[in-house]
Each structure stands twice: as structure tokens, then as C-alpha cells.
Amino acid sequence: MKMMKAMKTMLLWLLAAFMLCGLAWNAQAEVLGDVRFERKTKGDEDFPPAIFSHWNHRVKFKCYVCHNKTVGFEMKAGSAQITMALIENKQYCGVCHQGQPAFGVGFESCSRCHRK
């Protein structure tokens, strides 16, 4: 039993180290599990799409934190039609990203989600 717990702990540390090295190596790169939200607003083609780091969130939270009726994410990619207006209205990502518990949404933080 102790051996299984030690192996699980070691694997979690290795996963965390791998993720941190990957983020430090290229913070702009998309990785497996990232979700790219393509822009659908006409005239916004030059503004980069939002990239949701699924693994960054999944390491910290269980699936049901976001995938529930209150937050609104279904368990199917592309099922949510997210807009900045909805986020600013504390829906979808905006449930957490209004300054608490996560960074707020504003002009000073655009590049944290919208990247090439």
C-alpha cells in the first residue's frame, strides 16, 4: 500500500515537473488537451483566438468544477458559444475569471488567453 502511494506521488511530481518545463520552454505553444476558440466575429481575424489550457486547469480542479449546469460547460468540445460579453457577465470562464479566484479579464490580461 505504501509503495502504491509513493509511486502515485512520484508520478504526480513528474507530471507537474513535465508541465512546468513545457510551460517554461514555450508558454505560447499549444499542447494536447488545449482548446482553441476560433473567432467568429467579422473583422477580428487579426486578433488571435483564445487558447484554453485544459491541463493547467485539470491539474488544479476536478472535471465537475467547470462541467456542470451552473458554469455551463458540457462534456463535448465546441458545445459552448463563449463570447467576451458572456465572460464579463460572469458566465462560463467569467465564473472564476473576474479577479477572484483567478486573474481578471481586461485589456491588461488579453494575451493570457488570446495568443498566436
C-alpha atoms as a PDB file:
ATOM      1  CA  MET A   1       0.000   0.000   0.000  1.00  0.00           C
ATOM      2  CA  LYS A   2       2.833   2.409   0.910  1.00  0.00           C
ATOM      3  CA  MET A   3       4.574   1.520  -2.358  1.00  0.00           C
ATOM      4  CA  MET A   4       1.463   2.416  -4.405  1.00  0.00           C
ATOM      5  CA  LYS A   5       1.082   5.736  -2.609  1.00  0.00           C
ATOM      6  CA  ALA A   6       4.770   6.545  -3.135  1.00  0.00           C
ATOM      7  CA  MET A   7       4.512   5.670  -6.854  1.00  0.00           C
ATOM      8  CA  LYS A   8       1.393   7.807  -7.247  1.00  0.00           C
ATOM      9  CA  THR A   9       3.112  10.746  -5.523  1.00  0.00           C
ATOM     10  CA  MET A  10       6.200  10.341  -7.703  1.00  0.00           C
ATOM     11  CA  LEU A  11       4.091  10.228 -10.876  1.00  0.00           C
ATOM     12  CA  LEU A  12       2.227  13.387  -9.863  1.00  0.00           C
ATOM     13  CA  TRP A  13       5.539  15.197  -9.202  1.00  0.00           C
ATOM     14  CA  LEU A  14       6.898  14.032 -12.562  1.00  0.00           C
ATOM     15  CA  LEU A  15       3.739  15.217 -14.329  1.00  0.00           C
ATOM     16  CA  ALA A  16       3.949  18.599 -12.592  1.00  0.00           C
ATOM     17  CA  ALA A  17       7.648  18.949 -13.478  1.00  0.00           C
ATOM     18  CA  PHE A  18       6.958  17.981 -17.093  1.00  0.00           C
ATOM     19  CA  MET A  19       4.175  20.544 -17.348  1.00  0.00           C
ATOM     20  CA  LEU A  20       6.253  23.302 -15.742  1.00  0.00           C
ATOM     21  CA  CYS A  21       9.189  22.588 -18.047  1.00  0.00           C
ATOM     22  CA  GLY A  22       6.874  22.648 -21.042  1.00  0.00           C
ATOM     23  CA  LEU A  23       5.328  25.933 -19.963  1.00  0.00           C
ATOM     24  CA  ALA A  24       8.726  27.491 -19.271  1.00  0.00           C
ATOM     25  CA  TRP A  25      10.109  26.201 -22.571  1.00  0.00           C
ATOM     26  CA  ASN A  26       7.361  27.778 -24.667  1.00  0.00           C
ATOM     27  CA  ALA A  27       4.447  29.405 -22.875  1.00  0.00           C
ATOM     28  CA  GLN A  28       2.791  30.202 -26.209  1.00  0.00           C
ATOM     29  CA  ALA A  29       2.745  26.634 -27.554  1.00  0.00           C
ATOM     30  CA  GLU A  30      -0.446  24.663 -27.610  1.00  0.00           C
ATOM     31  CA  VAL A  31      -0.311  21.231 -26.025  1.00  0.00           C
ATOM     32  CA  LEU A  32      -2.520  18.168 -26.196  1.00  0.00           C
ATOM     33  CA  GLY A  33      -5.725  18.976 -24.359  1.00  0.00           C
ATOM     34  CA  ASP A  34      -5.689  22.702 -25.126  1.00  0.00           C
ATOM     35  CA  VAL A  35      -8.894  24.079 -26.602  1.00  0.00           C
ATOM     36  CA  ARG A  36      -8.641  26.736 -29.326  1.00  0.00           C
ATOM     37  CA  PHE A  37     -11.638  29.055 -29.547  1.00  0.00           C
ATOM     38  CA  GLU A  38     -11.713  30.298 -33.132  1.00  0.00           C
ATOM     39  CA  ARG A  39     -13.003  33.828 -33.522  1.00  0.00           C
ATOM     40  CA  LYS A  40     -16.300  34.143 -35.345  1.00  0.00           C
ATOM     41  CA  THR A  41     -16.747  37.922 -35.229  1.00  0.00           C
ATOM     42  CA  LYS A  42     -16.260  39.513 -38.638  1.00  0.00           C
ATOM     43  CA  GLY A  43     -13.314  41.910 -38.736  1.00  0.00           C
ATOM     44  CA  ASP A  44     -11.483  40.273 -35.824  1.00  0.00           C
ATOM     45  CA  GLU A  45      -9.323  37.976 -37.964  1.00  0.00           C
ATOM     46  CA  ASP A  46      -6.121  39.750 -36.865  1.00  0.00           C
ATOM     47  CA  PHE A  47      -6.855  39.262 -33.169  1.00  0.00           C
ATOM     48  CA  PRO A  48      -5.637  35.817 -32.050  1.00  0.00           C
ATOM     49  CA  PRO A  49      -8.065  33.165 -30.813  1.00  0.00           C
ATOM     50  CA  ALA A  50      -8.291  32.251 -27.137  1.00  0.00           C
ATOM     51  CA  ILE A  51      -6.413  29.131 -26.073  1.00  0.00           C
ATOM     52  CA  PHE A  52      -7.812  27.332 -23.054  1.00  0.00           C
ATOM     53  CA  SER A  53      -5.162  25.334 -21.192  1.00  0.00           C
ATOM     54  CA  HIS A  54      -7.231  22.320 -20.222  1.00  0.00           C
ATOM     55  CA  TRP A  55      -4.373  20.579 -18.402  1.00  0.00           C
ATOM     56  CA  ASN A  56      -3.440  23.647 -16.384  1.00  0.00           C
ATOM     57  CA  HIS A  57      -6.997  23.765 -15.062  1.00  0.00           C
ATOM     58  CA  ARG A  58      -7.354  19.992 -14.754  1.00  0.00           C
ATOM     59  CA  VAL A  59      -4.273  19.688 -12.508  1.00  0.00           C
ATOM     60  CA  LYS A  60      -5.912  22.090 -10.034  1.00  0.00           C
ATOM     61  CA  PHE A  61      -9.591  21.115 -10.314  1.00  0.00           C
ATOM     62  CA  LYS A  62     -11.825  18.111 -10.844  1.00  0.00           C
ATOM     63  CA  CYS A  63     -13.858  17.976 -14.077  1.00  0.00           C
ATOM     64  CA  TYR A  64     -17.183  18.782 -12.411  1.00  0.00           C
ATOM     65  CA  VAL A  65     -15.925  22.201 -11.229  1.00  0.00           C
ATOM     66  CA  CYS A  66     -16.470  23.535 -14.779  1.00  0.00           C
ATOM     67  CA  HIS A  67     -18.570  20.807 -16.362  1.00  0.00           C
ATOM     68  CA  ASN A  68     -21.848  21.465 -14.584  1.00  0.00           C
ATOM     69  CA  LYS A  69     -25.096  23.356 -15.177  1.00  0.00           C
ATOM     70  CA  THR A  70     -24.030  26.383 -13.135  1.00  0.00           C
ATOM     71  CA  VAL A  71     -20.838  27.119 -15.090  1.00  0.00           C
ATOM     72  CA  GLY A  72     -22.337  25.759 -18.301  1.00  0.00           C
ATOM     73  CA  PHE A  73     -19.632  23.663 -19.941  1.00  0.00           C
ATOM     74  CA  GLU A  74     -20.898  20.385 -21.362  1.00  0.00           C
ATOM     75  CA  MET A  75     -18.566  17.408 -21.764  1.00  0.00           C
ATOM     76  CA  LYS A  76     -18.449  17.973 -25.523  1.00  0.00           C
ATOM     77  CA  ALA A  77     -15.898  20.182 -27.260  1.00  0.00           C
ATOM     78  CA  GLY A  78     -17.448  23.077 -29.155  1.00  0.00           C
ATOM     79  CA  SER A  79     -20.768  22.949 -27.322  1.00  0.00           C
ATOM     80  CA  ALA A  80     -20.320  26.343 -25.612  1.00  0.00           C
ATOM     81  CA  GLN A  81     -20.647  29.545 -27.639  1.00  0.00           C
ATOM     82  CA  ILE A  82     -18.433  31.723 -25.466  1.00  0.00           C
ATOM     83  CA  THR A  83     -18.149  35.469 -26.015  1.00  0.00           C
ATOM     84  CA  MET A  84     -16.317  38.172 -24.090  1.00  0.00           C
ATOM     85  CA  ALA A  85     -19.706  39.650 -23.193  1.00  0.00           C
ATOM     86  CA  LEU A  86     -20.710  36.369 -21.512  1.00  0.00           C
ATOM     87  CA  ILE A  87     -17.382  36.157 -19.679  1.00  0.00           C
ATOM     88  CA  GLU A  88     -17.723  39.754 -18.474  1.00  0.00           C
ATOM     89  CA  ASN A  89     -21.252  38.825 -17.319  1.00  0.00           C
ATOM     90  CA  LYS A  90     -19.689  36.147 -15.056  1.00  0.00           C
ATOM     91  CA  GLN A  91     -20.697  33.216 -17.255  1.00  0.00           C
ATOM     92  CA  TYR A  92     -18.512  30.355 -18.482  1.00  0.00           C
ATOM     93  CA  CYS A  93     -14.848  31.388 -17.866  1.00  0.00           C
ATOM     94  CA  GLY A  94     -16.095  34.529 -16.112  1.00  0.00           C
ATOM     95  CA  VAL A  95     -17.360  32.489 -13.151  1.00  0.00           C
ATOM     96  CA  CYS A  96     -13.737  32.356 -11.933  1.00  0.00           C
ATOM     97  CA  HIS A  97     -12.003  34.960 -14.102  1.00  0.00           C
ATOM     98  CA  GLN A  98     -13.354  38.132 -12.537  1.00  0.00           C
ATOM     99  CA  GLY A  99     -10.302  38.723 -10.370  1.00  0.00           C
ATOM    100  CA  GLN A 100     -11.211  36.028  -7.843  1.00  0.00           C
ATOM    101  CA  PRO A 101     -10.236  33.222  -7.628  1.00  0.00           C
ATOM    102  CA  ALA A 102      -8.400  33.627 -10.981  1.00  0.00           C
ATOM    103  CA  PHE A 103      -6.953  36.623 -12.831  1.00  0.00           C
ATOM    104  CA  GLY A 104      -9.487  39.120 -14.091  1.00  0.00           C
ATOM    105  CA  VAL A 105     -10.452  39.725 -17.698  1.00  0.00           C
ATOM    106  CA  GLY A 106      -9.353  43.074 -19.120  1.00  0.00           C
ATOM    107  CA  PHE A 107      -7.071  44.766 -21.622  1.00  0.00           C
ATOM    108  CA  GLU A 108      -4.046  44.148 -19.392  1.00  0.00           C
ATOM    109  CA  SER A 109      -4.622  40.370 -19.456  1.00  0.00           C
ATOM    110  CA  CYS A 110      -5.708  39.751 -23.099  1.00  0.00           C
ATOM    111  CA  SER A 111      -2.529  37.871 -24.012  1.00  0.00           C
ATOM    112  CA  ARG A 112      -3.014  35.331 -21.223  1.00  0.00           C
ATOM    113  CA  CYS A 113      -5.776  33.725 -23.287  1.00  0.00           C
ATOM    114  CA  HIS A 114      -5.562  35.286 -26.756  1.00  0.00           C
ATOM    115  CA  ARG A 115      -2.272  34.123 -28.256  1.00  0.00           C
ATOM    116  CA  LYS A 116      -0.943  33.089 -31.627  1.00  0.00           C
END
